[in-house]
């Protein structure tokens, strides 16, 4: 796919329009994501590094030494990464390099569809989720990231939807005490919808698989896993600007090539 301009353009368009696109059968290369990034744009560095590992060997899964719940065998509910930042990373790309474990199916829910359902079916919860603020923070050696904002952050008109939905880093309500009960009720409703069969799909993550998804729109997760062996994923973030720019360029190139072919054949 990376060497096929037509396939790459199709994949990028699916990624941008649907918020999620999957590739199968990638080479056995731990740095394949960096090769992908060369075609798209700059990798966004974070406290996890420019390229980061989600590694859970069974003998260490659940270890207190890990700095992320992802490095355990536990279930991860639907969430977005790094809501502790003023602007969370735009797109996330995850490559399955090794998986010898049983279970651990990945999940994905379209947060935009969840938000639309809330607005139509639970308008009071929608209002609470788009206006009431929570403090999200992540503190550790050398870092102290925190941001206060609504779980559904609509931003300015025309800006991308930003979901701030990761329970391990959601610290506490940043609102008037009388608003707290409705804030918790609304959050519980959001979580139920995001994890329901109505909005969530499940798929196995096998070696050579890679998924790209809009980290500010899509809610990703994982079922628990067990048995022997190890599981090793690698990930990078690339912001919206570069993904959208590259998509426009490949579409422009494709349109230009088509026009040239039509002119030549005519």
C-alpha atoms as a PDB file:
ATOM      1  CA  UNK A   1       0.000   0.000   0.000  1.00  0.00           C
ATOM      2  CA  UNK A   2       2.786   2.453   0.881  1.00  0.00           C
ATOM      3  CA  UNK A   3       4.267   2.011  -2.593  1.00  0.00           C
ATOM      4  CA  UNK A   4       0.926   2.123  -4.438  1.00  0.00           C
ATOM      5  CA  UNK A   5      -0.247   5.714  -4.887  1.00  0.00           C
ATOM      6  CA  UNK A   6      -3.808   4.718  -5.809  1.00  0.00           C
ATOM      7  CA  UNK A   7      -4.222   2.415  -2.769  1.00  0.00           C
ATOM      8  CA  UNK A   8      -2.605   5.000  -0.502  1.00  0.00           C
ATOM      9  CA  UNK A   9      -5.015   7.701  -1.712  1.00  0.00           C
ATOM     10  CA  UNK A  10      -8.017   5.423  -1.159  1.00  0.00           C
ATOM     11  CA  UNK A  11      -6.839   4.566   2.346  1.00  0.00           C
ATOM     12  CA  UNK A  12      -6.243   8.210   3.269  1.00  0.00           C
ATOM     13  CA  UNK A  13      -9.691   9.201   2.046  1.00  0.00           C
ATOM     14  CA  UNK A  14     -11.308   6.442   4.108  1.00  0.00           C
ATOM     15  CA  UNK A  15      -9.285   7.504   7.130  1.00  0.00           C
ATOM     16  CA  UNK A  16     -10.421  11.126   6.892  1.00  0.00           C
ATOM     17  CA  UNK A  17     -14.066  10.523   5.943  1.00  0.00           C
ATOM     18  CA  UNK A  18     -14.806   7.553   8.199  1.00  0.00           C
ATOM     19  CA  UNK A  19     -12.392   8.401  11.001  1.00  0.00           C
ATOM     20  CA  UNK A  20     -10.954   4.869  10.937  1.00  0.00           C
ATOM     21  CA  UNK A  21      -9.113   2.704   8.399  1.00  0.00           C
ATOM     22  CA  UNK A  22      -7.334  -0.634   8.735  1.00  0.00           C
ATOM     23  CA  UNK A  23      -4.480  -2.275   6.855  1.00  0.00           C
ATOM     24  CA  UNK A  24      -3.537  -5.968   6.870  1.00  0.00           C
ATOM     25  CA  UNK A  25      -0.357  -7.866   6.069  1.00  0.00           C
ATOM     26  CA  UNK A  26       2.249  -5.184   6.652  1.00  0.00           C
ATOM     27  CA  UNK A  27       5.940  -6.211   6.655  1.00  0.00           C
ATOM     28  CA  UNK A  28       7.531  -7.564   9.834  1.00  0.00           C
ATOM     29  CA  UNK A  29       9.195  -4.212  10.530  1.00  0.00           C
ATOM     30  CA  UNK A  30       8.979  -2.554  13.963  1.00  0.00           C
ATOM     31  CA  UNK A  31       9.501   0.866  12.365  1.00  0.00           C
ATOM     32  CA  UNK A  32       6.893   0.585   9.603  1.00  0.00           C
ATOM     33  CA  UNK A  33       4.984   3.475  11.193  1.00  0.00           C
ATOM     34  CA  UNK A  34       7.924   5.794  10.607  1.00  0.00           C
ATOM     35  CA  UNK A  35       7.869   4.773   6.936  1.00  0.00           C
ATOM     36  CA  UNK A  36       4.165   5.656   6.886  1.00  0.00           C
ATOM     37  CA  UNK A  37       4.866   8.996   8.546  1.00  0.00           C
ATOM     38  CA  UNK A  38       7.289   9.922   5.753  1.00  0.00           C
ATOM     39  CA  UNK A  39       4.310   9.847   3.391  1.00  0.00           C
ATOM     40  CA  UNK A  40       1.972  11.798   5.672  1.00  0.00           C
ATOM     41  CA  UNK A  41       3.780  14.288   7.878  1.00  0.00           C
ATOM     42  CA  UNK A  42       5.579  15.040  11.100  1.00  0.00           C
ATOM     43  CA  UNK A  43       5.204  12.651  14.013  1.00  0.00           C
ATOM     44  CA  UNK A  44       3.893  14.422  17.091  1.00  0.00           C
ATOM     45  CA  UNK A  45       6.138  13.845  20.072  1.00  0.00           C
ATOM     46  CA  UNK A  46       4.615  13.366  23.546  1.00  0.00           C
ATOM     47  CA  UNK A  47       5.823  12.269  26.960  1.00  0.00           C
ATOM     48  CA  UNK A  48       5.678   8.710  25.553  1.00  0.00           C
ATOM     49  CA  UNK A  49       8.193   9.630  22.825  1.00  0.00           C
ATOM     50  CA  UNK A  50       7.746  10.070  19.057  1.00  0.00           C
ATOM     51  CA  UNK A  51       7.126   6.329  18.573  1.00  0.00           C
ATOM     52  CA  UNK A  52       5.900   4.385  21.561  1.00  0.00           C
ATOM     53  CA  UNK A  53       5.358   0.790  22.579  1.00  0.00           C
ATOM     54  CA  UNK A  54       2.289  -0.863  24.057  1.00  0.00           C
ATOM     55  CA  UNK A  55       3.907  -3.978  25.398  1.00  0.00           C
ATOM     56  CA  UNK A  56       2.313  -6.483  27.735  1.00  0.00           C
ATOM     57  CA  UNK A  57       4.220  -9.663  28.428  1.00  0.00           C
ATOM     58  CA  UNK A  58       2.002 -11.898  30.518  1.00  0.00           C
ATOM     59  CA  UNK A  59       4.534 -12.162  33.288  1.00  0.00           C
ATOM     60  CA  UNK A  60       4.622  -8.345  33.596  1.00  0.00           C
ATOM     61  CA  UNK A  61       1.016  -7.517  32.687  1.00  0.00           C
ATOM     62  CA  UNK A  62      -0.514  -5.640  35.567  1.00  0.00           C
ATOM     63  CA  UNK A  63       2.907  -4.722  36.941  1.00  0.00           C
ATOM     64  CA  UNK A  64       3.091  -1.601  39.051  1.00  0.00           C
ATOM     65  CA  UNK A  65       6.128  -0.530  37.014  1.00  0.00           C
ATOM     66  CA  UNK A  66       4.072   0.447  33.956  1.00  0.00           C
ATOM     67  CA  UNK A  67       3.192   4.097  33.331  1.00  0.00           C
ATOM     68  CA  UNK A  68       0.079   3.289  31.296  1.00  0.00           C
ATOM     69  CA  UNK A  69      -2.994   1.120  31.705  1.00  0.00           C
ATOM     70  CA  UNK A  70      -2.386   0.011  28.110  1.00  0.00           C
ATOM     71  CA  UNK A  71       0.646  -1.980  29.315  1.00  0.00           C
ATOM     72  CA  UNK A  72      -1.540  -4.407  31.242  1.00  0.00           C
ATOM     73  CA  UNK A  73      -3.844  -7.261  30.281  1.00  0.00           C
ATOM     74  CA  UNK A  74      -6.908  -5.412  31.602  1.00  0.00           C
ATOM     75  CA  UNK A  75      -9.901  -4.295  29.565  1.00  0.00           C
ATOM     76  CA  UNK A  76      -9.663  -0.764  28.234  1.00  0.00           C
ATOM     77  CA  UNK A  77     -13.036   0.916  27.813  1.00  0.00           C
ATOM     78  CA  UNK A  78     -13.787   3.277  24.917  1.00  0.00           C
ATOM     79  CA  UNK A  79     -11.498   6.294  25.214  1.00  0.00           C
ATOM     80  CA  UNK A  80      -9.419   8.930  23.471  1.00  0.00           C
ATOM     81  CA  UNK A  81      -5.741   9.513  24.178  1.00  0.00           C
ATOM     82  CA  UNK A  82      -4.174  12.483  25.962  1.00  0.00           C
ATOM     83  CA  UNK A  83      -7.247  14.559  26.895  1.00  0.00           C
ATOM     84  CA  UNK A  84      -4.826  16.207  29.336  1.00  0.00           C
ATOM     85  CA  UNK A  85      -3.533  18.402  26.477  1.00  0.00           C
ATOM     86  CA  UNK A  86      -4.948  21.698  25.266  1.00  0.00           C
ATOM     87  CA  UNK A  87      -5.036  20.123  21.787  1.00  0.00           C
ATOM     88  CA  UNK A  88      -4.949  16.307  21.939  1.00  0.00           C
ATOM     89  CA  UNK A  89      -3.189  14.476  19.078  1.00  0.00           C
ATOM     90  CA  UNK A  90      -5.226  14.392  15.883  1.00  0.00           C
ATOM     91  CA  UNK A  91      -4.697  10.926  14.383  1.00  0.00           C
ATOM     92  CA  UNK A  92      -3.274   7.819  15.969  1.00  0.00           C
ATOM     93  CA  UNK A  93      -1.659   4.920  14.100  1.00  0.00           C
ATOM     94  CA  UNK A  94      -1.209   1.547  15.811  1.00  0.00           C
ATOM     95  CA  UNK A  95       0.798  -1.355  14.370  1.00  0.00           C
ATOM     96  CA  UNK A  96       0.496  -4.872  15.782  1.00  0.00           C
ATOM     97  CA  UNK A  97       4.060  -6.189  15.735  1.00  0.00           C
ATOM     98  CA  UNK A  98       3.496  -9.295  17.858  1.00  0.00           C
ATOM     99  CA  UNK A  99       0.463 -10.928  19.471  1.00  0.00           C
ATOM    100  CA  UNK A 100       0.653 -14.389  21.028  1.00  0.00           C
ATOM    101  CA  UNK A 101      -2.138 -13.822  23.553  1.00  0.00           C
ATOM    102  CA  UNK A 102      -5.720 -15.013  23.667  1.00  0.00           C
ATOM    103  CA  UNK A 103      -8.459 -12.405  23.675  1.00  0.00           C
ATOM    104  CA  UNK A 104      -7.636  -8.727  23.586  1.00  0.00           C
ATOM    105  CA  UNK A 105      -9.891  -7.871  20.627  1.00  0.00           C
ATOM    106  CA  UNK A 106      -9.692  -4.199  19.754  1.00  0.00           C
ATOM    107  CA  UNK A 107     -12.810  -2.032  19.822  1.00  0.00           C
ATOM    108  CA  UNK A 108     -13.741   1.162  18.019  1.00  0.00           C
ATOM    109  CA  UNK A 109     -16.765   3.441  18.378  1.00  0.00           C
ATOM    110  CA  UNK A 110     -17.579   6.502  16.295  1.00  0.00           C
ATOM    111  CA  UNK A 111     -17.754   9.288  18.855  1.00  0.00           C
ATOM    112  CA  UNK A 112     -19.368  11.626  16.338  1.00  0.00           C
ATOM    113  CA  UNK A 113     -22.308   9.218  16.045  1.00  0.00           C
ATOM    114  CA  UNK A 114     -22.500   8.912  19.831  1.00  0.00           C
ATOM    115  CA  UNK A 115     -22.567  12.704  20.164  1.00  0.00           C
ATOM    116  CA  UNK A 116     -25.326  12.992  17.550  1.00  0.00           C
ATOM    117  CA  UNK A 117     -27.419  10.389  19.395  1.00  0.00           C
ATOM    118  CA  UNK A 118     -26.954  12.216  22.677  1.00  0.00           C
ATOM    119  CA  UNK A 119     -28.021  15.510  21.128  1.00  0.00           C
ATOM    120  CA  UNK A 120     -31.154  13.945  19.624  1.00  0.00           C
ATOM    121  CA  UNK A 121     -32.168  11.508  22.362  1.00  0.00           C
ATOM    122  CA  UNK A 122     -30.705  12.931  25.591  1.00  0.00           C
ATOM    123  CA  UNK A 123     -30.535  16.711  25.119  1.00  0.00           C
ATOM    124  CA  UNK A 124     -30.036  17.399  28.838  1.00  0.00           C
ATOM    125  CA  UNK A 125     -27.049  15.059  28.954  1.00  0.00           C
ATOM    126  CA  UNK A 126     -25.712  16.597  25.741  1.00  0.00           C
ATOM    127  CA  UNK A 127     -25.896  20.060  27.276  1.00  0.00           C
ATOM    128  CA  UNK A 128     -24.068  18.899  30.394  1.00  0.00           C
ATOM    129  CA  UNK A 129     -21.339  17.129  28.418  1.00  0.00           C
ATOM    130  CA  UNK A 130     -20.679  20.107  26.139  1.00  0.00           C
ATOM    131  CA  UNK A 131     -20.642  22.815  28.833  1.00  0.00           C
ATOM    132  CA  UNK A 132     -19.523  21.388  32.193  1.00  0.00           C
ATOM    133  CA  UNK A 133     -15.768  21.079  32.721  1.00  0.00           C
ATOM    134  CA  UNK A 134     -13.625  18.298  34.142  1.00  0.00           C
ATOM    135  CA  UNK A 135      -9.966  18.459  35.067  1.00  0.00           C
ATOM    136  CA  UNK A 136      -7.827  15.923  33.185  1.00  0.00           C
ATOM    137  CA  UNK A 137      -4.291  15.439  34.427  1.00  0.00           C
ATOM    138  CA  UNK A 138      -1.293  13.166  34.072  1.00  0.00           C
ATOM    139  CA  UNK A 139       1.530  13.628  36.532  1.00  0.00           C
ATOM    140  CA  UNK A 140       4.768  11.674  36.768  1.00  0.00           C
ATOM    141  CA  UNK A 141       8.534  12.084  36.813  1.00  0.00           C
ATOM    142  CA  UNK A 142       9.279  15.119  34.660  1.00  0.00           C
ATOM    143  CA  UNK A 143       5.677  15.738  33.547  1.00  0.00           C
ATOM    144  CA  UNK A 144       2.591  17.467  34.928  1.00  0.00           C
ATOM    145  CA  UNK A 145       0.026  17.825  32.135  1.00  0.00           C
ATOM    146  CA  UNK A 146      -3.455  19.085  32.938  1.00  0.00           C
ATOM    147  CA  UNK A 147      -6.384  20.680  31.152  1.00  0.00           C
ATOM    148  CA  UNK A 148      -9.898  21.681  32.141  1.00  0.00           C
ATOM    149  CA  UNK A 149     -12.623  21.256  29.556  1.00  0.00           C
ATOM    150  CA  UNK A 150     -15.904  19.510  28.706  1.00  0.00           C
ATOM    151  CA  UNK A 151     -15.983  15.833  27.803  1.00  0.00           C
ATOM    152  CA  UNK A 152     -17.465  16.833  24.424  1.00  0.00           C
ATOM    153  CA  UNK A 153     -15.386  19.818  23.370  1.00  0.00           C
ATOM    154  CA  UNK A 154     -16.974  21.493  20.336  1.00  0.00           C
ATOM    155  CA  UNK A 155     -14.334  24.232  20.192  1.00  0.00           C
ATOM    156  CA  UNK A 156     -14.854  27.158  17.863  1.00  0.00           C
ATOM    157  CA  UNK A 157     -17.203  26.904  14.864  1.00  0.00           C
ATOM    158  CA  UNK A 158     -15.495  24.866  12.167  1.00  0.00           C
ATOM    159  CA  UNK A 159     -12.933  23.268  14.472  1.00  0.00           C
ATOM    160  CA  UNK A 160     -12.744  19.458  14.790  1.00  0.00           C
ATOM    161  CA  UNK A 161     -14.776  17.662  17.430  1.00  0.00           C
ATOM    162  CA  UNK A 162     -12.623  16.814  20.436  1.00  0.00           C
ATOM    163  CA  UNK A 163     -13.726  14.098  22.839  1.00  0.00           C
ATOM    164  CA  UNK A 164     -11.948  14.100  26.192  1.00  0.00           C
ATOM    165  CA  UNK A 165     -12.763  10.630  27.368  1.00  0.00           C
ATOM    166  CA  UNK A 166     -10.140   8.706  29.294  1.00  0.00           C
ATOM    167  CA  UNK A 167     -11.175   7.748  32.804  1.00  0.00           C
ATOM    168  CA  UNK A 168      -7.672   7.082  34.288  1.00  0.00           C
ATOM    169  CA  UNK A 169      -6.700  10.728  33.701  1.00  0.00           C
ATOM    170  CA  UNK A 170     -10.096  12.334  34.378  1.00  0.00           C
ATOM    171  CA  UNK A 171      -9.328  13.816  37.760  1.00  0.00           C
ATOM    172  CA  UNK A 172     -12.308  15.657  39.211  1.00  0.00           C
ATOM    173  CA  UNK A 173     -15.216  17.939  38.291  1.00  0.00           C
ATOM    174  CA  UNK A 174     -14.379  21.605  37.674  1.00  0.00           C
ATOM    175  CA  UNK A 175     -17.882  22.973  38.102  1.00  0.00           C
ATOM    176  CA  UNK A 176     -20.369  24.249  40.647  1.00  0.00           C
ATOM    177  CA  UNK A 177     -21.301  21.589  43.244  1.00  0.00           C
ATOM    178  CA  UNK A 178     -24.968  21.649  42.228  1.00  0.00           C
ATOM    179  CA  UNK A 179     -23.987  20.612  38.675  1.00  0.00           C
ATOM    180  CA  UNK A 180     -22.054  17.525  39.732  1.00  0.00           C
ATOM    181  CA  UNK A 181     -24.951  15.020  39.903  1.00  0.00           C
ATOM    182  CA  UNK A 182     -26.120  15.793  36.369  1.00  0.00           C
ATOM    183  CA  UNK A 183     -22.528  15.783  35.126  1.00  0.00           C
ATOM    184  CA  UNK A 184     -21.973  12.246  36.439  1.00  0.00           C
ATOM    185  CA  UNK A 185     -25.333  11.071  35.062  1.00  0.00           C
ATOM    186  CA  UNK A 186     -24.481  12.478  31.636  1.00  0.00           C
ATOM    187  CA  UNK A 187     -21.036  10.912  31.668  1.00  0.00           C
ATOM    188  CA  UNK A 188     -22.490   7.507  32.568  1.00  0.00           C
ATOM    189  CA  UNK A 189     -24.949   7.772  29.674  1.00  0.00           C
ATOM    190  CA  UNK A 190     -22.123   8.671  27.280  1.00  0.00           C
ATOM    191  CA  UNK A 191     -20.051   5.689  28.449  1.00  0.00           C
ATOM    192  CA  UNK A 192     -22.960   3.253  28.077  1.00  0.00           C
ATOM    193  CA  UNK A 193     -23.670   4.396  24.528  1.00  0.00           C
ATOM    194  CA  UNK A 194     -20.004   4.317  23.485  1.00  0.00           C
ATOM    195  CA  UNK A 195     -19.606   0.729  24.747  1.00  0.00           C
ATOM    196  CA  UNK A 196     -22.906  -0.531  23.304  1.00  0.00           C
ATOM    197  CA  UNK A 197     -23.265  -2.777  20.252  1.00  0.00           C
ATOM    198  CA  UNK A 198     -25.140   0.071  18.606  1.00  0.00           C
ATOM    199  CA  UNK A 199     -21.952   2.100  18.200  1.00  0.00           C
ATOM    200  CA  UNK A 200     -19.002  -0.191  18.882  1.00  0.00           C
ATOM    201  CA  UNK A 201     -17.302  -2.717  16.627  1.00  0.00           C
ATOM    202  CA  UNK A 202     -14.781  -5.356  17.683  1.00  0.00           C
ATOM    203  CA  UNK A 203     -11.972  -6.919  15.659  1.00  0.00           C
ATOM    204  CA  UNK A 204      -8.866  -9.029  16.320  1.00  0.00           C
ATOM    205  CA  UNK A 205      -5.443  -7.384  16.184  1.00  0.00           C
ATOM    206  CA  UNK A 206      -3.030  -9.725  14.433  1.00  0.00           C
ATOM    207  CA  UNK A 207       0.658  -9.305  13.570  1.00  0.00           C
ATOM    208  CA  UNK A 208       0.962  -7.155  10.452  1.00  0.00           C
ATOM    209  CA  UNK A 209      -2.263  -5.260  11.141  1.00  0.00           C
ATOM    210  CA  UNK A 210      -2.242  -1.488  11.366  1.00  0.00           C
ATOM    211  CA  UNK A 211      -5.104   0.866  12.145  1.00  0.00           C
ATOM    212  CA  UNK A 212      -5.274   4.615  11.778  1.00  0.00           C
ATOM    213  CA  UNK A 213      -8.016   6.623  13.440  1.00  0.00           C
ATOM    214  CA  UNK A 214      -9.032  10.135  14.409  1.00  0.00           C
ATOM    215  CA  UNK A 215      -8.030  10.269  18.074  1.00  0.00           C
ATOM    216  CA  UNK A 216     -10.275  13.253  18.786  1.00  0.00           C
ATOM    217  CA  UNK A 217     -13.366  11.644  17.239  1.00  0.00           C
ATOM    218  CA  UNK A 218     -13.058   7.860  17.567  1.00  0.00           C
ATOM    219  CA  UNK A 219     -13.173   5.993  20.879  1.00  0.00           C
ATOM    220  CA  UNK A 220     -10.830   3.016  20.904  1.00  0.00           C
ATOM    221  CA  UNK A 221     -10.490   0.253  23.464  1.00  0.00           C
ATOM    222  CA  UNK A 222      -9.563  -3.358  24.052  1.00  0.00           C
ATOM    223  CA  UNK A 223     -11.012  -6.474  25.606  1.00  0.00           C
ATOM    224  CA  UNK A 224      -8.930  -8.185  28.332  1.00  0.00           C
ATOM    225  CA  UNK A 225      -6.489 -10.880  27.295  1.00  0.00           C
ATOM    226  CA  UNK A 226      -4.898 -13.842  29.017  1.00  0.00           C
ATOM    227  CA  UNK A 227      -2.862 -17.043  28.497  1.00  0.00           C
ATOM    228  CA  UNK A 228       0.833 -17.211  27.608  1.00  0.00           C
ATOM    229  CA  UNK A 229       2.927 -15.241  25.185  1.00  0.00           C
ATOM    230  CA  UNK A 230       3.395 -11.550  24.597  1.00  0.00           C
ATOM    231  CA  UNK A 231       1.620  -8.686  22.882  1.00  0.00           C
ATOM    232  CA  UNK A 232       3.520  -5.804  21.336  1.00  0.00           C
ATOM    233  CA  UNK A 233       1.981  -2.828  19.542  1.00  0.00           C
ATOM    234  CA  UNK A 234       3.767   0.315  18.358  1.00  0.00           C
ATOM    235  CA  UNK A 235       2.102   3.679  17.913  1.00  0.00           C
ATOM    236  CA  UNK A 236       2.570   7.219  16.652  1.00  0.00           C
ATOM    237  CA  UNK A 237       0.485  10.378  16.516  1.00  0.00           C
ATOM    238  CA  UNK A 238       0.213  12.740  13.533  1.00  0.00           C
ATOM    239  CA  UNK A 239      -1.865  15.890  13.840  1.00  0.00           C
ATOM    240  CA  UNK A 240      -4.928  16.727  11.750  1.00  0.00           C
ATOM    241  CA  UNK A 241      -3.131  19.396   9.717  1.00  0.00           C
ATOM    242  CA  UNK A 242      -0.676  16.966   8.126  1.00  0.00           C
ATOM    243  CA  UNK A 243      -3.199  14.182   7.554  1.00  0.00           C
ATOM    244  CA  UNK A 244      -5.669  16.554   5.876  1.00  0.00           C
ATOM    245  CA  UNK A 245      -2.909  18.231   3.849  1.00  0.00           C
ATOM    246  CA  UNK A 246      -1.604  14.907   2.521  1.00  0.00           C
ATOM    247  CA  UNK A 247      -5.130  13.766   1.657  1.00  0.00           C
ATOM    248  CA  UNK A 248      -5.732  16.934  -0.371  1.00  0.00           C
ATOM    249  CA  UNK A 249      -2.403  16.494  -2.150  1.00  0.00           C
ATOM    250  CA  UNK A 250      -3.029  12.861  -3.137  1.00  0.00           C
ATOM    251  CA  UNK A 251      -6.530  13.763  -4.338  1.00  0.00           C
ATOM    252  CA  UNK A 252      -5.170  16.687  -6.340  1.00  0.00           C
ATOM    253  CA  UNK A 253      -2.481  14.471  -7.859  1.00  0.00           C
ATOM    254  CA  UNK A 254      -5.027  11.780  -8.702  1.00  0.00           C
ATOM    255  CA  UNK A 255      -7.321  14.341 -10.384  1.00  0.00           C
ATOM    256  CA  UNK A 256      -4.409  15.768 -12.352  1.00  0.00           C
ATOM    257  CA  UNK A 257      -3.318  12.318 -13.528  1.00  0.00           C
ATOM    258  CA  UNK A 258      -6.857  11.500 -14.615  1.00  0.00           C
ATOM    259  CA  UNK A 259      -7.093  14.722 -16.618  1.00  0.00           C
ATOM    260  CA  UNK A 260      -3.765  13.979 -18.299  1.00  0.00           C
ATOM    261  CA  UNK A 261      -4.863  10.446 -19.208  1.00  0.00           C
ATOM    262  CA  UNK A 262      -8.172  11.684 -20.615  1.00  0.00           C
ATOM    263  CA  UNK A 263      -6.429  14.349 -22.668  1.00  0.00           C
ATOM    264  CA  UNK A 264      -3.915  11.805 -24.005  1.00  0.00           C
ATOM    265  CA  UNK A 265      -6.569   9.218 -24.882  1.00  0.00           C
ATOM    266  CA  UNK A 266      -8.772  11.881 -26.499  1.00  0.00           C
END
